[in-house]
Structure formats: C-alpha cells, structure tokens
Protein backbone atom coordinates (compact mmCIF):
# COMPACT_ATOMS: atom_id res chain seq x y z
CA MET A 1 -32.12 -125.58 -1.92
CA SER A 2 -29.43 -122.93 -2.34
CA HIS A 3 -25.92 -123.96 -3.33
CA ASN A 4 -22.55 -122.30 -2.86
CA THR A 5 -19.66 -121.91 -5.30
CA GLU A 6 -17.84 -124.95 -3.93
CA THR A 7 -20.90 -127.14 -4.53
CA TYR A 8 -21.18 -125.96 -8.12
CA THR A 9 -17.48 -126.67 -8.66
CA GLN A 10 -18.00 -130.19 -7.34
CA PHE A 11 -20.92 -130.67 -9.69
CA PHE A 12 -18.87 -129.48 -12.67
CA GLU A 13 -16.17 -131.99 -11.74
CA LEU A 14 -18.80 -134.73 -11.60
CA LEU A 15 -19.95 -133.86 -15.13
CA GLN A 16 -16.35 -133.85 -16.33
CA VAL A 17 -15.91 -137.38 -14.98
CA ALA A 18 -19.13 -138.42 -16.74
CA ILE A 19 -18.02 -137.15 -20.16
CA GLY A 20 -14.41 -138.26 -19.77
CA THR A 21 -12.52 -134.97 -19.41
CA ARG A 22 -11.54 -135.80 -15.81
CA GLU A 23 -10.72 -139.13 -14.15
CA ARG A 24 -11.81 -138.46 -10.57
CA LEU A 25 -13.08 -135.76 -8.22
CA SER A 26 -10.56 -133.50 -6.55
CA THR A 27 -11.95 -134.47 -3.12
CA THR A 28 -14.10 -137.13 -1.47
CA LEU A 29 -17.61 -135.84 -0.81
CA SER A 30 -19.75 -136.24 2.28
CA PRO A 31 -23.28 -137.73 2.07
CA ASP A 32 -24.76 -134.22 2.45
CA GLU A 33 -22.60 -132.94 -0.41
CA TRP A 34 -23.77 -135.81 -2.60
CA GLU A 35 -27.38 -134.88 -1.84
CA GLN A 36 -26.73 -131.35 -3.04
CA LEU A 37 -25.15 -132.64 -6.26
CA TYR A 38 -28.16 -134.85 -6.84
CA VAL A 39 -30.50 -131.86 -6.45
CA ILE A 40 -28.45 -129.80 -8.93
CA ALA A 41 -28.48 -132.69 -11.41
CA LYS A 42 -32.30 -132.73 -11.24
CA GLU A 43 -32.54 -128.94 -11.61
CA GLN A 44 -30.33 -129.07 -14.70
CA THR A 45 -32.03 -132.17 -16.18
CA LEU A 46 -28.71 -134.00 -16.05
CA THR A 47 -29.60 -136.80 -13.64
CA GLY A 48 -28.76 -139.51 -16.17
CA ILE A 49 -25.54 -137.93 -17.43
CA ALA A 50 -24.33 -137.33 -13.87
CA PHE A 51 -25.09 -140.98 -13.03
CA ALA A 52 -22.59 -142.00 -15.73
CA ALA A 53 -19.86 -140.55 -13.52
CA LEU A 54 -20.66 -143.04 -10.75
CA GLU A 55 -19.51 -145.88 -12.99
CA ARG A 56 -16.20 -144.12 -13.61
CA LEU A 57 -15.33 -142.95 -10.09
CA PRO A 58 -13.00 -144.96 -7.84
CA GLN A 59 -14.74 -146.87 -5.05
CA GLU A 60 -13.66 -144.52 -2.30
CA GLN A 61 -15.29 -141.51 -4.02
CA LEU A 62 -18.74 -143.01 -4.57
CA PRO A 63 -21.88 -141.71 -2.80
CA PRO A 64 -23.67 -143.80 -0.15
CA PRO A 65 -25.13 -147.10 -1.51
CA ARG A 66 -28.71 -145.93 -0.88
CA ARG A 67 -28.19 -142.87 -3.07
CA ILE A 68 -26.54 -144.97 -5.79
CA ARG A 69 -29.55 -147.31 -5.89
CA GLN A 70 -32.03 -144.41 -6.11
CA TRP A 71 -29.93 -142.72 -8.79
CA ALA A 72 -29.75 -145.96 -10.77
CA VAL A 73 -33.55 -146.24 -10.77
CA LYS A 74 -33.81 -142.70 -12.20
CA ALA A 75 -31.20 -143.55 -14.83
CA ASP A 76 -33.12 -146.66 -15.90
CA ARG A 77 -36.28 -144.58 -16.34
CA ILE A 78 -34.37 -142.13 -18.53
CA ARG A 79 -33.14 -145.02 -20.68
CA GLU A 80 -36.70 -146.22 -21.20
CA LYS A 81 -37.94 -142.71 -22.02
CA ASN A 82 -35.12 -142.35 -24.54
CA LYS A 83 -36.13 -145.53 -26.33
CA THR A 84 -39.71 -144.33 -26.58
CA ALA A 85 -38.69 -140.81 -27.66
CA SER A 86 -36.45 -142.15 -30.43
CA VAL A 87 -39.19 -144.40 -31.80
CA MET A 88 -41.72 -141.55 -31.71
CA THR A 89 -39.27 -139.14 -33.34
CA ALA A 90 -38.83 -141.53 -36.27
CA LYS A 91 -42.62 -141.90 -36.58
CA VAL A 92 -43.15 -138.12 -36.63
CA SER A 93 -40.44 -137.76 -39.26
CA ASP A 94 -42.04 -140.49 -41.39
CA PHE A 95 -45.43 -138.80 -41.06
CA PHE A 96 -44.16 -135.60 -42.66
CA LYS A 97 -42.13 -137.37 -45.34
CA GLN A 98 -45.11 -139.51 -46.31
CA ASN A 99 -47.12 -136.31 -46.74
CA GLY A 100 -44.62 -134.84 -49.17
CA PHE A 101 -42.48 -132.69 -46.86
CA HIS A 102 -38.75 -132.53 -46.38
CA CYS A 103 -37.94 -132.58 -42.67
CA LEU A 104 -35.09 -132.50 -40.19
CA ILE A 105 -35.15 -133.18 -36.45
CA LEU A 106 -33.77 -130.19 -34.58
CA LYS A 107 -32.00 -130.56 -31.21
CA GLY A 108 -33.61 -133.13 -28.90
CA GLN A 109 -33.19 -136.73 -30.02
CA GLY A 110 -31.16 -135.48 -32.96
CA ASN A 111 -28.41 -134.50 -30.55
CA LEU A 112 -27.93 -138.13 -29.54
CA TYR A 113 -25.88 -138.54 -32.72
CA PHE A 114 -23.14 -136.40 -31.16
CA TYR A 115 -22.98 -138.33 -27.87
CA SER A 116 -21.01 -141.49 -27.13
CA PRO A 117 -23.15 -144.68 -27.21
CA TYR A 118 -23.23 -144.97 -23.41
CA LEU A 119 -24.17 -141.33 -22.79
CA GLN A 120 -26.80 -141.38 -25.55
CA GLU A 121 -29.20 -143.43 -23.46
CA LEU A 122 -28.65 -141.29 -20.35
CA ARG A 123 -29.46 -137.92 -21.92
CA SER A 124 -32.90 -136.81 -20.68
CA PRO A 125 -35.25 -136.53 -23.69
CA GLY A 126 -37.54 -133.56 -24.23
CA ASP A 127 -39.86 -132.29 -26.97
CA ILE A 128 -39.70 -133.36 -30.60
CA ASP A 129 -38.82 -130.41 -32.85
CA VAL A 130 -39.38 -130.96 -36.58
CA TRP A 131 -38.24 -128.53 -39.25
CA ALA A 132 -40.55 -129.21 -42.22
CA TRP A 133 -40.82 -127.58 -45.63
CA PRO A 134 -42.51 -128.40 -48.95
CA SER A 135 -40.84 -128.64 -52.33
CA GLY A 136 -42.80 -125.70 -53.74
CA ASN A 137 -43.40 -122.07 -52.81
CA ASN A 138 -44.99 -120.54 -49.69
CA PRO A 139 -43.26 -122.86 -47.18
CA VAL A 140 -44.61 -121.14 -44.06
CA ARG A 141 -48.24 -121.04 -45.21
CA THR A 142 -48.09 -124.59 -46.57
CA VAL A 143 -46.80 -126.06 -43.30
CA ILE A 144 -49.26 -124.11 -41.14
CA GLU A 145 -52.28 -124.98 -43.26
CA PHE A 146 -51.25 -128.64 -43.43
CA CYS A 147 -50.96 -128.87 -39.64
CA GLN A 148 -54.16 -126.92 -39.02
CA THR A 149 -56.21 -129.29 -41.15
CA ARG A 150 -54.98 -132.22 -39.08
CA LYS A 151 -54.98 -130.80 -35.56
CA LYS A 152 -57.20 -127.96 -34.45
CA GLY A 153 -56.25 -125.54 -31.71
CA ALA A 154 -52.50 -125.62 -32.25
CA TYR A 155 -51.10 -122.21 -31.29
CA ILE A 156 -49.06 -120.54 -34.02
CA TYR A 157 -45.81 -118.68 -33.29
CA TYR A 158 -43.52 -116.79 -35.65
CA HIS A 159 -41.16 -119.75 -36.03
CA ASN A 160 -43.23 -122.84 -35.16
CA LEU A 161 -46.55 -124.22 -34.01
CA ASP A 162 -47.64 -126.73 -31.38
CA PHE A 163 -48.71 -129.97 -33.02
CA PRO A 164 -50.11 -132.25 -30.28
CA ILE A 165 -50.30 -135.53 -32.17
CA LEU A 166 -48.58 -137.66 -29.51
CA LYS A 167 -49.99 -138.46 -26.10
CA ASP A 168 -46.93 -138.01 -23.87
CA ILE A 169 -44.37 -136.10 -25.94
CA PRO A 170 -44.94 -132.50 -27.14
CA VAL A 171 -44.28 -131.97 -30.85
CA GLU A 172 -43.34 -128.60 -32.33
CA VAL A 173 -43.32 -128.11 -36.10
CA HIS A 174 -40.89 -125.45 -37.31
CA TYR A 175 -41.16 -123.55 -40.55
CA ARG A 176 -38.26 -121.43 -39.28
CA PRO A 177 -35.67 -123.16 -37.07
CA THR A 178 -35.39 -120.01 -34.92
CA TRP A 179 -35.21 -116.23 -35.26
CA LEU A 180 -33.58 -113.10 -33.87
CA TYR A 181 -35.29 -109.98 -32.54
CA ASN A 182 -32.93 -107.69 -34.43
CA PRO A 183 -34.64 -107.40 -37.86
CA TRP A 184 -31.40 -107.01 -39.85
CA HIS A 185 -29.76 -110.01 -38.24
CA ASN A 186 -32.99 -111.99 -38.59
CA LYS A 187 -33.24 -111.23 -42.31
CA HIS A 188 -29.77 -112.65 -42.93
CA LEU A 189 -30.47 -115.57 -40.61
CA GLN A 190 -33.62 -116.64 -42.49
CA ALA A 191 -31.74 -116.38 -45.79
CA TRP A 192 -29.06 -118.66 -44.32
CA PHE A 193 -31.69 -121.21 -43.30
CA ASN A 194 -33.25 -121.14 -46.79
CA LYS A 195 -29.85 -121.69 -48.37
CA TYR A 196 -29.14 -124.61 -46.04
CA LYS A 197 -32.39 -126.36 -47.02
CA THR A 198 -31.02 -126.80 -50.55
CA SER A 199 -27.57 -127.98 -49.44
CA ARG A 200 -28.54 -131.58 -48.59
CA ASP A 201 -25.83 -131.42 -45.94
CA PHE A 202 -27.89 -133.69 -43.69
CA ILE A 203 -27.15 -136.74 -41.54
CA GLU A 204 -29.32 -139.86 -41.52
CA TYR A 205 -29.53 -141.16 -37.97
CA ASP A 206 -31.75 -143.69 -36.19
CA GLY A 207 -34.60 -143.48 -38.68
CA TYR A 208 -34.67 -139.71 -39.24
CA ALA A 209 -32.53 -136.91 -40.67
CA ILE A 210 -30.71 -134.24 -38.65
CA PRO A 211 -28.69 -131.16 -39.63
CA SER A 212 -24.92 -131.42 -39.90
CA ALA A 213 -22.57 -130.56 -37.06
CA ARG A 214 -21.46 -127.49 -38.98
CA PHE A 215 -25.04 -126.21 -39.16
CA ASN A 216 -25.61 -127.02 -35.48
CA THR A 217 -22.52 -125.05 -34.51
CA ILE A 218 -24.46 -121.91 -35.44
CA PHE A 219 -28.04 -123.04 -34.95
CA GLN A 220 -27.61 -124.37 -31.42
CA LEU A 221 -25.59 -121.33 -30.44
CA LEU A 222 -28.60 -119.30 -31.63
CA HIS A 223 -30.90 -121.56 -29.62
CA LEU A 224 -28.91 -120.84 -26.46
CA TYR A 225 -28.84 -117.14 -27.25
CA LYS A 226 -32.60 -116.95 -27.74
CA HIS A 227 -33.36 -118.68 -24.47
CA ILE A 228 -31.43 -116.26 -22.29
CA PHE A 229 -34.02 -113.65 -23.34
CA GLU A 230 -36.85 -116.00 -22.46
CA GLU A 231 -37.11 -118.16 -19.33
CA GLY A 232 -33.46 -119.20 -19.38
CA ILE A 233 -31.24 -122.10 -20.41
CA GLY A 234 -29.79 -125.05 -18.55
CA LEU A 235 -26.58 -127.04 -18.58
CA ARG A 236 -28.24 -129.82 -20.61
CA GLN A 237 -28.35 -127.44 -23.59
CA LEU A 238 -24.73 -126.42 -22.97
CA LEU A 239 -23.68 -130.08 -22.87
CA ASP A 240 -25.48 -130.67 -26.17
CA TYR A 241 -23.51 -127.80 -27.67
CA TYR A 242 -20.23 -129.12 -26.27
CA MET A 243 -20.93 -132.48 -27.96
CA VAL A 244 -21.73 -130.73 -31.26
CA LEU A 245 -18.42 -128.86 -31.17
CA LYS A 246 -16.53 -132.11 -30.65
CA GLU A 247 -17.99 -133.33 -33.94
CA ALA A 248 -17.95 -130.09 -35.93
CA PRO A 249 -15.19 -129.21 -38.42
CA LEU A 250 -13.71 -126.08 -36.89
CA SER A 251 -11.27 -125.26 -39.67
CA TYR A 252 -13.44 -122.75 -41.51
CA PRO A 253 -12.85 -119.00 -40.99
CA THR A 254 -13.86 -117.27 -37.77
CA HIS A 255 -16.26 -114.89 -39.51
CA GLU A 256 -18.18 -117.90 -40.84
CA ARG A 257 -18.29 -119.54 -37.43
CA ILE A 258 -19.87 -116.64 -35.57
CA PRO A 259 -22.25 -114.62 -37.76
CA PHE A 260 -25.47 -112.73 -36.94
CA GLY A 261 -23.98 -110.60 -34.15
CA LEU A 262 -23.27 -113.60 -31.92
CA ASN A 263 -19.61 -112.87 -31.21
CA LYS A 264 -20.02 -111.63 -27.64
CA PHE A 265 -22.38 -114.40 -26.67
CA ALA A 266 -20.17 -117.03 -28.29
CA ALA A 267 -17.24 -115.81 -26.19
CA ALA A 268 -19.39 -116.17 -23.04
CA VAL A 269 -20.43 -119.69 -24.03
CA MET A 270 -16.80 -120.69 -24.64
CA TYR A 271 -16.01 -119.65 -21.06
CA VAL A 272 -18.89 -121.76 -19.72
CA LEU A 273 -17.83 -124.80 -21.75
CA ARG A 274 -14.29 -124.50 -20.44
CA GLU A 275 -15.33 -124.03 -16.81
CA VAL A 276 -18.09 -126.62 -16.68
CA PHE A 277 -16.92 -129.36 -19.06
CA ASN A 278 -13.16 -128.69 -19.16
CA ALA A 279 -13.44 -128.15 -22.91
CA GLU A 280 -10.19 -128.30 -24.86
CA ASP A 281 -8.78 -125.25 -26.62
CA ARG A 282 -9.39 -126.88 -30.02
CA LEU A 283 -13.15 -126.59 -29.41
CA MET A 284 -13.10 -122.85 -28.82
CA LEU A 285 -14.87 -120.88 -31.55
CA CYS A 286 -13.24 -117.74 -30.18
CA PRO A 287 -11.31 -116.63 -27.08
CA PRO A 288 -13.47 -117.06 -23.95
CA ASP A 289 -14.82 -113.89 -22.31
CA GLU A 290 -14.61 -114.36 -18.54
CA LYS A 291 -16.80 -111.39 -17.57
CA ARG A 292 -19.70 -112.29 -19.84
CA GLY A 293 -19.09 -115.98 -19.22
CA ARG A 294 -19.43 -115.62 -15.46
CA GLN A 295 -22.68 -113.71 -15.92
CA LEU A 296 -24.02 -116.44 -18.20
CA LEU A 297 -22.95 -119.26 -15.89
CA GLU A 298 -24.52 -117.57 -12.88
CA GLU A 299 -27.76 -117.21 -14.85
CA ILE A 300 -27.71 -120.89 -15.80
CA MET A 301 -27.10 -122.14 -12.28
CA GLN A 302 -29.71 -119.84 -10.71
CA SER A 303 -32.48 -120.59 -13.18
CA GLY A 304 -32.08 -124.33 -13.77
CA ASN A 305 -33.36 -126.03 -16.90
CA PHE A 306 -35.34 -123.44 -18.93
CA GLY A 307 -35.79 -121.26 -15.85
CA GLN A 308 -37.90 -123.81 -13.95
CA PHE A 309 -36.09 -123.16 -10.66
CA ASP A 310 -35.51 -119.42 -10.96
CA LYS A 311 -36.83 -117.84 -7.74
CA ARG A 312 -36.41 -114.32 -9.11
CA TYR A 313 -39.17 -114.62 -11.72
CA ASN A 314 -42.39 -116.58 -11.47
CA TRP A 315 -42.81 -117.59 -15.12
CA LYS A 316 -45.64 -119.95 -14.33
CA GLU A 317 -47.63 -117.24 -12.54
CA ALA A 318 -46.94 -114.84 -15.41
CA SER A 319 -48.58 -117.30 -17.80
CA ASN A 320 -51.69 -117.80 -15.65
CA GLY A 321 -54.77 -115.67 -15.05
CA SER A 322 -57.38 -114.21 -17.37
CA LEU A 323 -56.58 -113.88 -21.05
CA LYS A 324 -56.92 -110.10 -20.71
CA TYR A 325 -53.97 -109.75 -18.33
CA ARG A 326 -51.89 -112.86 -19.12
CA GLY A 327 -49.96 -111.32 -22.00
CA MET A 328 -49.29 -108.14 -20.07
CA LYS A 329 -48.02 -110.02 -17.00
CA TYR A 330 -45.73 -112.17 -19.10
CA ALA A 331 -44.40 -109.16 -21.03
CA VAL A 332 -43.57 -107.29 -17.80
CA THR A 333 -41.84 -110.35 -16.36
CA ARG A 334 -39.88 -110.80 -19.59
CA LEU A 335 -38.84 -107.13 -19.57
CA ARG A 336 -37.62 -107.39 -15.95
CA HIS A 337 -35.68 -110.50 -16.90
CA ASN A 338 -34.11 -109.05 -20.04
CA ILE A 339 -33.19 -105.59 -18.76
CA ARG A 340 -30.21 -107.14 -16.97
CA PHE A 341 -28.72 -108.02 -20.36
CA LEU A 342 -29.16 -104.54 -21.85
CA LEU A 343 -25.48 -103.61 -21.61
CA THR A 344 -24.24 -107.09 -22.51
CA TYR A 345 -26.45 -107.83 -25.55
CA PRO A 346 -28.20 -104.51 -26.29
CA SER A 347 -29.37 -105.33 -29.82
CA GLU A 348 -31.71 -108.18 -28.86
CA VAL A 349 -32.95 -106.53 -25.65
CA ILE A 350 -33.91 -103.31 -27.46
CA PHE A 351 -35.71 -105.03 -30.32
CA GLU A 352 -37.50 -107.69 -28.23
CA PRO A 353 -40.55 -105.51 -27.28
CA LEU A 354 -40.89 -104.31 -30.89
CA PHE A 355 -40.74 -107.83 -32.20
CA ARG A 356 -43.38 -108.90 -29.68
CA ILE A 357 -45.79 -106.34 -31.18
CA TYR A 358 -44.97 -107.46 -34.72
CA ASN A 359 -45.44 -111.10 -33.75
CA LYS A 360 -48.92 -110.39 -32.34
CA LEU A 361 -49.91 -108.65 -35.57
CA TRP A 362 -48.40 -111.47 -37.63
CA ILE A 363 -50.62 -113.95 -35.77
CA TRP A 364 -53.83 -111.87 -35.47
CA LEU A 365 -53.78 -110.71 -39.09
CA ARG A 366 -52.68 -114.15 -40.30
CA LEU A 367 -49.80 -112.61 -42.19
CA TRP A 368 -48.31 -116.08 -42.57
CA ARG A 369 -50.76 -116.52 -45.46
CA PHE A 370 -48.38 -114.43 -47.58
CA GLU A 371 -45.22 -116.41 -46.80
C-alpha cells in the first residue's frame, strides 16, 4: 500500500501522542485513514508503540472499535514476546559470564532501559546482540573459537557471528560492536570500543548489563549510519535513539558527541527526530540538516523496518540462488542502493566495495586467528 505525505504526517502525530510529546491528533481520522496508519505501524515494527496512543487519545479521535480490538490483540502478543525475550536475554548473558567472558547487551532488549515502564512492554523485540570479550589477549579469536566449539555452522562476519543457541530468537555474538567502511575512521572507532571496555561505565538492568547512555549516543548513531548502506533502517531504530538521547548527558563538547565523520549524518538524524517525534531542542546533538534529513526520512518511510518493504530493491531475491551467483547479485543490489548516497556520505560509499573484498579475505583466510 502506498501512502501520501499527509498520511505520514498523521502517523508521526500518532507516535508523538504515544510517547507524550503531543496530546491529541490535529484532526479526526476516517476509518480508511486509520487502516493506513495501522499498515505503516506494521511496516515500521511500531504496532505496539502506536497502540499506546489509543489509550491517550480523546474518545472522539479513536479508530473504529473493531480496529481497536484487533490492535489490542497484537499489542498483547508483543507484551508476551517481550517477557520471553527479556528472560532469554538474561540467560544468554549468564551463559557468557559463567564461561569467563565480560558481556554487554547491545540495542534490542537493552534499549528497554531508556523507555518508560508502559512503553517498555510495547516495544517489538528483535534479535539478541551480545558484545563479549575475555579478560586476556586475542579477544576476537577467543570469542570466535569459543562459539565455534559450541555451535557448528555459525557464519562469521567482521564484527560478529551468528550463534543459534535459542529456538525462536536469533542470537548474534559481537567481538566488535560495529565498524565503518572508511579504514581511518574504523581504526579510531575500534580503539574507542577497546577503551570503553575498560571503563566499567555499564548499567545493570533486568538481569544483564548494557552500555551507558553516553556510549549509546555514539554507538546507536553508528548503528543507524551503517544500516543506510545495507538494507535500510526503520522508525523503531530512530525511536530507540530518541529514547537514548532523553537519558544521555548532553553537556560534553560537540566534538566528543559526533566523532568518526558522523557530523552530516547526525544532522540528518536530528531533523528526523524533530519531524517524527517532535524532539525538543535540548536533545539535538547538532543543528538539524533539512536537506539530508528529508532524504533520510524518505528512505526510512519507503523501505520500512530494515528494508523489508522497499519495492525498489529485492533484497530477498539478491540473497537467493546458487552460491556462485548469490554474492555477486547481493553486491550489485547493494551498489545500486548505495550509489544514491555518494554525494551525501561519500566516504562510506567509496570504501564499501573495498571493505567487502577485505572482509571476504578476512573470513576465507581466517585472519581472525591473529586478532
């Protein structure tokens, strides 16, 4: 279903009501308009969060009773999934700690800490991302070899590996929280991560540890940045970041807030946070950039959560087929996707193909044995 600008504006208002930055919608919606908002909520994996708005709206602005009942059923399912995901996250964390690793939960259930108690249970859960490291040397090799001895067939990436130890929830084990294609920026980024590991600036929450809001101010901005060069990002990730900024101490200098060449992207994100969530000026890391922000917001709304609804690129088809052509198809699709950002974020677009070659060699030659 295609949506127009007015429909998106209505959806943004609905989210603002849900998170408390607006009291009511600017207009009363028709049943058809409510159906469109419900579809967008599903595309952006915000069905539960959007449902929270229905309990805040005045009676005359509510959707038809039938839609409310169906929405409530979806919200209840999300609550149950959240309970299960939180229990499993704590178990995964305990597993690594019992085996001698330090570990933090990145994003996902860890972000619940930054939400209000009511919205916590309505955030749609996803994968479990664990950042694990040993006390000694060779952290990358140690984590990979530990996981390989306990679960065969897990595919290794530059920053993490799949670790399918749970039946219904994917688990990814990180030895690097993320990375950048630009080698100079990435070198400084990995040094920053290594320094943070020794800081003990962690938060204990719900049976597991998570990074501080200050760390997440940079890390989750990086996470958003990386995903625009992959399948895409959704509003759920932007809402997570908005919640982090509400908690983060924003009094430290601007150059510390936006390192690693992220200034232009940060300005685009600030525009999106202001337009979508009605974010206050005190949460702005930098002045919003309307031009780049509009481009980013259009990308988010067209692609849906992680690009699942992007009609321009068939990511699923690019990942199918024989092993011989799968990588080539995906690389061509990725290049078509990223070329649109060449003028906006040239550094990452230029280095992405080169990094892809390096990453293949790093995996094939098992270069992680030396890290």
